[in-house]
Amino acid sequence: MRKLPVKHKKNIGILGGTFDPPHVGHLIIAESVLETATLDVIIFVPAFQAPHKRRTPGATTSQRLAMTRLAIRGNKRFACLEIELRRKGTSYTVDTLETLTLTYPGSDFSLIMGADSFLEFSSWKSPERILELARIIVYPRPGMAIAPDLPFRKHAEVISAPILEVSSSLIRRRLASGKSVRYLVPDTVLRYLHRNKLYLP
């Protein structure tokens, strides 16, 4: 597996998603968590098939991987691993954590997720095992509150981060209707979208 960009990679954050496409919200969240949680590096992990999302026609796996790498280019504390794309099938977080634990022994892992994902965490595959392998860091979502009696709430660290109403689905809709997505995605990704005519009707 690819080496991580930080020499002493003891505290590793994991940010998974379809990244279809990656956008500035992903980068802002990652940067906020990097500072707030005192992490050494954040790994972006594009999913082959997210368990809780129906795959919609969009970019191919290779295109999503390429865009994710373009999005994080220039940040020495961001990395992208294609572990779930190579494994194929349904991308279960617990399987990814098991592999990363063996690949980077002695490291501590932090799983980064939005409030929307944490509300569904109890329905994930092997949530108890996930908690054995990583701590949970939750970032806010517009209009979503994390109730104190929510299952696994005591295991989650809810951080303060900018709340942006930007999503990959919003970007796809705007492109499909001929609208601009400038400033919603990094310039490197914007050029890739235009060059490959992605998400057009």
Protein backbone atom coordinates (compact mmCIF):
# COMPACT_ATOMS: atom_id res chain seq x y z
CA MET A 1 0.00 0.00 0.00
CA ARG A 2 1.13 3.54 -0.69
CA LYS A 3 3.27 5.27 1.95
CA LEU A 4 1.67 8.16 3.80
CA PRO A 5 3.13 11.66 3.45
CA VAL A 6 3.90 12.14 7.15
CA LYS A 7 7.00 10.35 8.42
CA HIS A 8 5.75 9.70 11.95
CA LYS A 9 2.19 8.68 11.12
CA LYS A 10 0.85 7.96 14.59
CA ASN A 11 -2.47 9.80 14.44
CA ILE A 12 -4.33 9.06 11.23
CA GLY A 13 -7.72 10.43 10.26
CA ILE A 14 -9.89 8.59 7.76
CA LEU A 15 -12.42 10.44 5.61
CA GLY A 16 -14.44 8.13 3.41
CA GLY A 17 -17.03 8.96 0.78
CA THR A 18 -17.99 8.49 -2.82
CA PHE A 19 -16.33 11.80 -3.77
CA ASP A 20 -18.56 12.04 -6.82
CA PRO A 21 -17.14 14.67 -7.12
CA PRO A 22 -14.94 15.86 -4.23
CA HIS A 23 -15.68 19.47 -3.29
CA VAL A 24 -14.44 22.30 -1.08
CA GLY A 25 -16.62 21.10 1.80
CA HIS A 26 -14.59 17.91 2.01
CA LEU A 27 -11.35 19.88 2.15
CA ILE A 28 -12.58 22.40 4.72
CA ILE A 29 -13.85 19.63 6.98
CA ALA A 30 -10.58 17.69 6.66
CA GLU A 31 -8.51 20.77 7.45
CA SER A 32 -10.70 21.63 10.45
CA VAL A 33 -10.46 18.10 11.85
CA LEU A 34 -6.72 18.01 11.21
CA GLU A 35 -6.27 20.98 13.52
CA THR A 36 -9.00 20.29 16.08
CA ALA A 37 -8.20 16.62 16.61
CA THR A 38 -4.42 17.05 16.38
CA LEU A 39 -3.93 14.51 13.61
CA ASP A 40 -0.77 13.89 11.61
CA VAL A 41 -2.44 13.01 8.33
CA ILE A 42 -5.90 12.48 6.86
CA ILE A 43 -6.53 9.68 4.40
CA PHE A 44 -9.28 10.21 1.83
CA VAL A 45 -10.81 6.83 0.97
CA PRO A 46 -13.11 6.77 -2.07
CA ALA A 47 -15.74 4.04 -1.71
CA PHE A 48 -16.39 1.50 -4.42
CA GLN A 49 -20.00 1.16 -3.31
CA ALA A 50 -21.20 2.87 -0.15
CA PRO A 51 -23.55 0.60 1.86
CA HIS A 52 -26.11 3.35 2.60
CA LYS A 53 -26.14 4.96 -0.84
CA ARG A 54 -27.64 3.78 -4.07
CA ARG A 55 -25.11 4.15 -6.86
CA THR A 56 -26.31 6.77 -9.31
CA PRO A 57 -24.89 7.28 -12.80
CA GLY A 58 -21.92 9.55 -12.39
CA ALA A 59 -18.17 9.39 -12.63
CA THR A 60 -16.39 6.06 -12.94
CA THR A 61 -14.30 4.74 -10.06
CA SER A 62 -11.10 5.76 -11.83
CA GLN A 63 -12.47 9.27 -12.41
CA ARG A 64 -13.53 9.65 -8.77
CA LEU A 65 -10.08 8.51 -7.68
CA ALA A 66 -8.39 10.93 -10.07
CA MET A 67 -10.54 13.84 -8.88
CA THR A 68 -9.88 13.05 -5.23
CA ARG A 69 -6.15 13.05 -5.83
CA LEU A 70 -6.42 16.33 -7.72
CA ALA A 71 -8.49 17.87 -4.92
CA ILE A 72 -5.89 17.17 -2.22
CA ARG A 73 -2.85 17.95 -4.34
CA GLY A 74 -0.53 20.40 -2.62
CA ASN A 75 -1.48 19.48 0.95
CA LYS A 76 1.33 17.40 2.42
CA ARG A 77 -0.86 16.15 5.23
CA PHE A 78 -3.59 14.74 2.99
CA ALA A 79 -3.37 11.36 1.27
CA CYS A 80 -5.66 9.26 -0.90
CA LEU A 81 -5.79 5.47 -0.81
CA GLU A 82 -7.69 3.31 -3.29
CA ILE A 83 -8.08 0.46 -0.79
CA GLU A 84 -11.87 0.19 -1.21
CA LEU A 85 -11.78 0.64 -4.98
CA ARG A 86 -9.34 -2.26 -5.28
CA ARG A 87 -11.37 -4.44 -2.95
CA LYS A 88 -14.57 -3.71 -4.94
CA GLY A 89 -17.95 -4.86 -3.71
CA THR A 90 -19.72 -3.05 -0.87
CA SER A 91 -17.30 -0.78 0.98
CA TYR A 92 -17.63 -1.56 4.66
CA THR A 93 -15.69 0.73 6.99
CA VAL A 94 -14.86 -2.05 9.42
CA ASP A 95 -13.05 -3.99 6.67
CA THR A 96 -11.05 -0.91 5.71
CA LEU A 97 -10.05 -0.27 9.31
CA GLU A 98 -8.97 -3.87 9.77
CA THR A 99 -6.68 -3.55 6.73
CA LEU A 100 -5.28 -0.17 7.75
CA THR A 101 -4.55 -1.42 11.26
CA LEU A 102 -2.40 -4.18 9.81
CA THR A 103 -0.79 -1.86 7.25
CA TYR A 104 0.16 0.89 9.70
CA PRO A 105 0.81 -0.90 13.02
CA GLY A 106 1.16 1.29 16.08
CA SER A 107 -0.97 4.08 14.62
CA ASP A 108 -4.13 5.49 16.18
CA PHE A 109 -7.08 5.94 13.82
CA SER A 110 -9.85 8.52 13.85
CA LEU A 111 -12.90 7.91 11.68
CA ILE A 112 -14.36 11.19 10.43
CA MET A 113 -18.05 11.35 9.58
CA GLY A 114 -20.84 13.87 9.26
CA ALA A 115 -23.73 14.10 11.70
CA ASP A 116 -25.98 12.50 9.06
CA SER A 117 -23.76 9.42 8.93
CA PHE A 118 -23.45 9.21 12.70
CA LEU A 119 -27.23 9.14 13.05
CA GLU A 120 -27.11 5.88 11.07
CA PHE A 121 -23.98 4.50 12.71
CA SER A 122 -25.84 1.86 14.74
CA SER A 123 -26.98 0.27 11.45
CA TRP A 124 -23.45 0.01 10.07
CA LYS A 125 -21.66 -3.33 9.82
CA SER A 126 -19.98 -4.17 13.15
CA PRO A 127 -20.14 -0.74 14.84
CA GLU A 128 -18.71 -2.14 18.07
CA ARG A 129 -15.66 -3.45 16.22
CA ILE A 130 -15.24 -0.08 14.50
CA LEU A 131 -15.09 1.55 17.94
CA GLU A 132 -12.34 -0.87 18.94
CA LEU A 133 -10.29 0.15 15.91
CA ALA A 134 -10.87 3.91 15.80
CA ARG A 135 -12.29 6.85 17.66
CA ILE A 136 -15.22 8.64 16.04
CA ILE A 137 -15.06 12.30 15.09
CA VAL A 138 -18.34 13.88 14.00
CA TYR A 139 -18.64 17.18 12.18
CA PRO A 140 -21.89 19.18 12.04
CA ARG A 141 -24.44 19.15 9.26
CA PRO A 142 -27.04 21.87 8.62
CA GLY A 143 -30.14 21.33 10.76
CA MET A 144 -28.89 18.11 12.37
CA ALA A 145 -28.40 17.72 16.11
CA ILE A 146 -26.66 14.89 17.93
CA ALA A 147 -28.89 13.96 20.87
CA PRO A 148 -27.08 12.94 24.08
CA ASP A 149 -29.04 9.66 24.29
CA LEU A 150 -28.16 8.62 20.73
CA PRO A 151 -26.61 5.14 20.52
CA PHE A 152 -22.80 5.31 20.70
CA ARG A 153 -22.95 9.05 21.48
CA LYS A 154 -20.50 8.69 24.37
CA HIS A 155 -17.94 7.27 21.93
CA ALA A 156 -18.12 10.22 19.53
CA GLU A 157 -16.27 13.50 19.63
CA VAL A 158 -18.41 16.20 18.04
CA ILE A 159 -16.16 18.97 16.77
CA SER A 160 -16.82 22.56 15.79
CA ALA A 161 -16.36 23.08 12.06
CA PRO A 162 -17.75 25.39 9.37
CA ILE A 163 -21.19 24.25 8.23
CA LEU A 164 -21.41 24.42 4.45
CA GLU A 165 -24.50 23.59 2.44
CA VAL A 166 -22.54 22.08 -0.41
CA SER A 167 -22.74 18.47 -1.53
CA SER A 168 -21.69 16.29 -4.42
CA SER A 169 -25.33 15.88 -5.45
CA LEU A 170 -25.73 19.67 -5.58
CA ILE A 171 -22.71 19.94 -7.84
CA ARG A 172 -24.00 17.21 -10.14
CA ARG A 173 -27.39 18.92 -10.38
CA ARG A 174 -25.83 22.29 -11.18
CA LEU A 175 -23.64 20.82 -13.89
CA ALA A 176 -26.57 18.90 -15.37
CA SER A 177 -28.54 22.15 -15.63
CA GLY A 178 -25.65 24.10 -17.13
CA LYS A 179 -24.89 26.13 -14.00
CA SER A 180 -21.46 27.07 -12.69
CA VAL A 181 -19.74 25.12 -9.91
CA ARG A 182 -16.81 27.48 -9.70
CA TYR A 183 -15.63 27.91 -6.08
CA LEU A 184 -17.63 24.82 -5.08
CA VAL A 185 -14.82 22.51 -6.18
CA PRO A 186 -11.05 23.06 -6.31
CA ASP A 187 -9.80 24.52 -9.58
CA THR A 188 -7.96 21.28 -10.35
CA VAL A 189 -11.24 19.36 -10.10
CA LEU A 190 -13.13 22.02 -12.05
CA ARG A 191 -10.74 21.68 -14.98
CA TYR A 192 -11.08 17.89 -14.83
CA LEU A 193 -14.88 18.14 -14.86
CA HIS A 194 -14.88 20.39 -17.90
CA ARG A 195 -12.21 18.41 -19.74
CA ASN A 196 -14.09 15.14 -19.26
CA LYS A 197 -17.60 16.64 -19.62
CA LEU A 198 -18.75 14.94 -16.44
CA TYR A 199 -22.30 15.05 -15.06
CA LEU A 200 -23.72 16.70 -18.16
CA PRO A 201 -27.25 15.73 -19.25
